[in-house]
Amino acid sequence: MTEAVGWVSSVILVLTIGKQVYKQWREGSSEGVSKWLFVGQISASLGFTVYSWLVSNWVFVVTNAVMLVNGLAGLLIVLHHRRRERRAGGG
């Protein structure tokens, strides 16, 4: 039962953040989203993935590894939108 609570919570977290990243991509805008949010998330997720692996907590290894990929995707989307905005603005 303990593992099930962990896995269900993991799925909820990943889907919630994943939906936000997908929304940014679909809408073609990252207005109001700081790239530093994703830089921080990537750093924390990397650290938590390593820590979770070292203590053999597979729920958190998987969760944080997926969150790391999610953070990278979010950062790339923000950077893509910023670059597009600069080009559209003539700068």
N, C-alpha and C. Protein backbone atom coordinates (compact mmCIF):
# COMPACT_ATOMS: atom_id res chain seq x y z
N MET A 1 0.83 -1.21 0.00
CA MET A 1 0.00 0.00 0.00
C MET A 1 0.87 1.27 0.00
N THR A 2 1.96 1.23 0.72
CA THR A 2 2.86 2.39 0.79
C THR A 2 3.40 2.74 -0.59
N GLU A 3 3.85 1.72 -1.32
CA GLU A 3 4.37 1.94 -2.67
C GLU A 3 3.29 2.50 -3.59
N ALA A 4 2.07 2.01 -3.45
CA ALA A 4 0.96 2.48 -4.30
C ALA A 4 0.71 3.96 -4.07
N VAL A 5 0.74 4.41 -2.83
CA VAL A 5 0.56 5.84 -2.53
C VAL A 5 1.66 6.65 -3.22
N GLY A 6 2.89 6.16 -3.15
CA GLY A 6 4.00 6.85 -3.79
C GLY A 6 3.85 6.93 -5.29
N TRP A 7 3.49 5.80 -5.93
CA TRP A 7 3.34 5.79 -7.38
C TRP A 7 2.18 6.65 -7.85
N VAL A 8 1.06 6.60 -7.14
CA VAL A 8 -0.10 7.44 -7.52
C VAL A 8 0.27 8.91 -7.38
N SER A 9 0.94 9.26 -6.31
CA SER A 9 1.37 10.66 -6.11
C SER A 9 2.34 11.08 -7.21
N SER A 10 3.23 10.19 -7.59
CA SER A 10 4.19 10.46 -8.65
C SER A 10 3.48 10.76 -9.96
N VAL A 11 2.52 9.94 -10.31
CA VAL A 11 1.77 10.13 -11.56
C VAL A 11 1.04 11.47 -11.54
N ILE A 12 0.44 11.83 -10.42
CA ILE A 12 -0.28 13.11 -10.31
C ILE A 12 0.68 14.27 -10.52
N LEU A 13 1.84 14.23 -9.86
CA LEU A 13 2.83 15.30 -10.00
C LEU A 13 3.31 15.43 -11.44
N VAL A 14 3.69 14.33 -12.03
CA VAL A 14 4.22 14.36 -13.40
C VAL A 14 3.17 14.85 -14.39
N LEU A 15 1.94 14.39 -14.25
CA LEU A 15 0.88 14.84 -15.16
C LEU A 15 0.57 16.32 -14.99
N THR A 16 0.59 16.80 -13.75
CA THR A 16 0.30 18.21 -13.49
C THR A 16 1.35 19.12 -14.14
N ILE A 17 2.61 18.82 -13.90
CA ILE A 17 3.68 19.64 -14.47
C ILE A 17 3.74 19.44 -15.99
N GLY A 18 3.56 18.21 -16.42
CA GLY A 18 3.57 17.93 -17.86
C GLY A 18 2.49 18.69 -18.60
N LYS A 19 1.33 18.80 -18.01
CA LYS A 19 0.22 19.54 -18.63
C LYS A 19 0.59 21.02 -18.80
N GLN A 20 1.27 21.59 -17.80
CA GLN A 20 1.67 22.99 -17.89
C GLN A 20 2.68 23.19 -19.02
N VAL A 21 3.65 22.31 -19.11
CA VAL A 21 4.66 22.42 -20.16
C VAL A 21 4.00 22.25 -21.53
N TYR A 22 3.10 21.28 -21.65
CA TYR A 22 2.37 21.08 -22.91
C TYR A 22 1.54 22.31 -23.26
N LYS A 23 0.92 22.93 -22.27
CA LYS A 23 0.11 24.13 -22.50
C LYS A 23 0.97 25.25 -23.07
N GLN A 24 2.17 25.44 -22.53
CA GLN A 24 3.07 26.46 -23.06
C GLN A 24 3.38 26.18 -24.53
N TRP A 25 3.65 24.93 -24.83
CA TRP A 25 3.99 24.57 -26.20
C TRP A 25 2.80 24.78 -27.13
N ARG A 26 1.63 24.29 -26.72
CA ARG A 26 0.43 24.36 -27.55
C ARG A 26 0.03 25.81 -27.81
N GLU A 27 0.10 26.66 -26.77
CA GLU A 27 -0.31 28.06 -26.92
C GLU A 27 0.75 28.91 -27.59
N GLY A 28 1.97 28.39 -27.71
CA GLY A 28 3.03 29.12 -28.38
C GLY A 28 3.51 30.32 -27.58
N SER A 29 3.33 30.28 -26.26
CA SER A 29 3.74 31.40 -25.43
C SER A 29 4.22 30.91 -24.07
N SER A 30 5.26 31.58 -23.59
CA SER A 30 5.76 31.32 -22.24
C SER A 30 5.71 32.62 -21.44
N GLU A 31 4.79 33.48 -21.82
CA GLU A 31 4.66 34.77 -21.15
C GLU A 31 4.46 34.58 -19.65
N GLY A 32 5.25 35.27 -18.88
CA GLY A 32 5.14 35.22 -17.44
C GLY A 32 5.85 34.02 -16.80
N VAL A 33 6.50 33.19 -17.62
CA VAL A 33 7.21 32.03 -17.10
C VAL A 33 8.70 32.32 -17.15
N SER A 34 9.35 32.24 -16.01
CA SER A 34 10.77 32.51 -15.94
C SER A 34 11.57 31.26 -16.30
N LYS A 35 12.63 31.45 -17.08
CA LYS A 35 13.49 30.31 -17.39
C LYS A 35 14.16 29.79 -16.12
N TRP A 36 14.30 30.66 -15.12
CA TRP A 36 14.94 30.26 -13.87
C TRP A 36 14.09 29.26 -13.08
N LEU A 37 12.79 29.26 -13.31
CA LEU A 37 11.93 28.25 -12.71
C LEU A 37 12.39 26.87 -13.17
N PHE A 38 12.64 26.73 -14.46
CA PHE A 38 13.05 25.44 -15.00
C PHE A 38 14.50 25.12 -14.67
N VAL A 39 15.36 26.11 -14.62
CA VAL A 39 16.75 25.88 -14.22
C VAL A 39 16.78 25.32 -12.79
N GLY A 40 15.99 25.92 -11.91
CA GLY A 40 15.90 25.43 -10.53
C GLY A 40 15.31 24.04 -10.47
N GLN A 41 14.25 23.80 -11.23
CA GLN A 41 13.62 22.48 -11.23
C GLN A 41 14.59 21.43 -11.75
N ILE A 42 15.31 21.73 -12.81
CA ILE A 42 16.27 20.79 -13.37
C ILE A 42 17.35 20.45 -12.34
N SER A 43 17.87 21.47 -11.68
CA SER A 43 18.91 21.26 -10.67
C SER A 43 18.40 20.39 -9.52
N ALA A 44 17.22 20.74 -9.02
CA ALA A 44 16.64 19.98 -7.90
C ALA A 44 16.31 18.55 -8.34
N SER A 45 15.73 18.39 -9.51
CA SER A 45 15.37 17.05 -9.98
C SER A 45 16.60 16.17 -10.19
N LEU A 46 17.66 16.76 -10.70
CA LEU A 46 18.90 16.00 -10.87
C LEU A 46 19.45 15.55 -9.52
N GLY A 47 19.50 16.48 -8.59
CA GLY A 47 19.98 16.14 -7.24
C GLY A 47 19.11 15.09 -6.57
N PHE A 48 17.80 15.25 -6.66
CA PHE A 48 16.89 14.28 -6.05
C PHE A 48 16.95 12.92 -6.74
N THR A 49 17.18 12.91 -8.06
CA THR A 49 17.31 11.63 -8.76
C THR A 49 18.53 10.87 -8.25
N VAL A 50 19.65 11.55 -8.16
CA VAL A 50 20.87 10.92 -7.65
C VAL A 50 20.68 10.46 -6.21
N TYR A 51 20.15 11.32 -5.37
CA TYR A 51 19.90 10.96 -3.97
C TYR A 51 18.97 9.75 -3.86
N SER A 52 17.89 9.77 -4.62
CA SER A 52 16.92 8.67 -4.56
C SER A 52 17.54 7.36 -5.02
N TRP A 53 18.40 7.43 -6.03
CA TRP A 53 19.10 6.24 -6.49
C TRP A 53 20.04 5.73 -5.40
N LEU A 54 20.76 6.64 -4.74
CA LEU A 54 21.70 6.25 -3.69
C LEU A 54 21.00 5.58 -2.50
N VAL A 55 19.76 5.99 -2.21
CA VAL A 55 19.02 5.37 -1.09
C VAL A 55 18.05 4.30 -1.59
N SER A 56 18.13 3.98 -2.88
CA SER A 56 17.31 2.92 -3.51
C SER A 56 15.82 3.14 -3.36
N ASN A 57 15.38 4.37 -3.55
CA ASN A 57 13.94 4.67 -3.52
C ASN A 57 13.48 4.84 -4.96
N TRP A 58 12.97 3.75 -5.54
CA TRP A 58 12.68 3.72 -6.96
C TRP A 58 11.49 4.59 -7.36
N VAL A 59 10.55 4.80 -6.45
CA VAL A 59 9.45 5.73 -6.76
C VAL A 59 10.02 7.11 -7.06
N PHE A 60 10.95 7.56 -6.22
CA PHE A 60 11.51 8.89 -6.40
C PHE A 60 12.56 8.94 -7.50
N VAL A 61 13.25 7.83 -7.76
CA VAL A 61 14.18 7.81 -8.89
C VAL A 61 13.39 8.08 -10.18
N VAL A 62 12.33 7.33 -10.37
CA VAL A 62 11.52 7.46 -11.59
C VAL A 62 10.87 8.85 -11.65
N THR A 63 10.24 9.24 -10.54
CA THR A 63 9.55 10.54 -10.51
C THR A 63 10.49 11.68 -10.84
N ASN A 64 11.63 11.71 -10.18
CA ASN A 64 12.55 12.83 -10.39
C ASN A 64 13.24 12.77 -11.74
N ALA A 65 13.47 11.58 -12.27
CA ALA A 65 14.03 11.48 -13.62
C ALA A 65 13.04 12.01 -14.65
N VAL A 66 11.77 11.67 -14.49
CA VAL A 66 10.75 12.19 -15.41
C VAL A 66 10.60 13.70 -15.24
N MET A 67 10.66 14.18 -14.00
CA MET A 67 10.57 15.62 -13.75
C MET A 67 11.79 16.34 -14.34
N LEU A 68 12.93 15.70 -14.35
CA LEU A 68 14.12 16.28 -14.98
C LEU A 68 13.89 16.46 -16.47
N VAL A 69 13.36 15.45 -17.12
CA VAL A 69 13.04 15.55 -18.56
C VAL A 69 11.99 16.63 -18.80
N ASN A 70 10.99 16.67 -17.92
CA ASN A 70 9.94 17.68 -18.00
C ASN A 70 10.53 19.08 -17.88
N GLY A 71 11.44 19.27 -16.93
CA GLY A 71 12.08 20.56 -16.74
C GLY A 71 12.91 20.97 -17.95
N LEU A 72 13.63 20.01 -18.52
CA LEU A 72 14.41 20.31 -19.73
C LEU A 72 13.50 20.72 -20.88
N ALA A 73 12.38 20.00 -21.04
CA ALA A 73 11.43 20.36 -22.09
C ALA A 73 10.87 21.76 -21.85
N GLY A 74 10.49 22.05 -20.61
CA GLY A 74 9.96 23.37 -20.29
C GLY A 74 10.96 24.47 -20.57
N LEU A 75 12.22 24.25 -20.20
CA LEU A 75 13.26 25.25 -20.44
C LEU A 75 13.47 25.46 -21.94
N LEU A 76 13.52 24.38 -22.69
CA LEU A 76 13.70 24.50 -24.14
C LEU A 76 12.55 25.25 -24.79
N ILE A 77 11.35 25.02 -24.31
CA ILE A 77 10.18 25.73 -24.84
C ILE A 77 10.27 27.22 -24.53
N VAL A 78 10.62 27.56 -23.29
CA VAL A 78 10.77 28.97 -22.92
C VAL A 78 11.84 29.63 -23.79
N LEU A 79 12.98 28.99 -23.94
CA LEU A 79 14.06 29.57 -24.74
C LEU A 79 13.65 29.71 -26.21
N HIS A 80 12.92 28.73 -26.72
CA HIS A 80 12.40 28.81 -28.10
C HIS A 80 11.47 30.02 -28.25
N HIS A 81 10.56 30.19 -27.30
CA HIS A 81 9.62 31.31 -27.37
C HIS A 81 10.35 32.65 -27.27
N ARG A 82 11.34 32.74 -26.39
CA ARG A 82 12.09 33.99 -26.23
C ARG A 82 12.84 34.33 -27.51
N ARG A 83 13.46 33.32 -28.12
CA ARG A 83 14.21 33.53 -29.36
C ARG A 83 13.26 33.99 -30.46
N ARG A 84 12.09 33.36 -30.56
CA ARG A 84 11.10 33.73 -31.58
C ARG A 84 10.63 35.16 -31.36
N GLU A 85 10.42 35.55 -30.10
CA GLU A 85 9.97 36.91 -29.78
C GLU A 85 11.03 37.93 -30.16
N ARG A 86 12.30 37.60 -29.91
CA ARG A 86 13.39 38.53 -30.29
C ARG A 86 13.45 38.72 -31.80
N ARG A 87 13.30 37.62 -32.54
CA ARG A 87 13.32 37.72 -34.01
C ARG A 87 12.14 38.52 -34.53
N ALA A 88 10.98 38.31 -33.94
CA ALA A 88 9.76 39.03 -34.38
C ALA A 88 9.87 40.51 -34.06
N GLY A 89 10.60 40.84 -32.98
CA GLY A 89 10.76 42.23 -32.58
C GLY A 89 11.85 42.95 -33.33
N GLY A 90 12.53 42.22 -34.21
CA GLY A 90 13.58 42.86 -35.01
C GLY A 90 14.92 42.91 -34.30
N GLY A 91 15.03 42.25 -33.16
CA GLY A 91 16.29 42.31 -32.44
C GLY A 91 16.88 41.02 -32.30
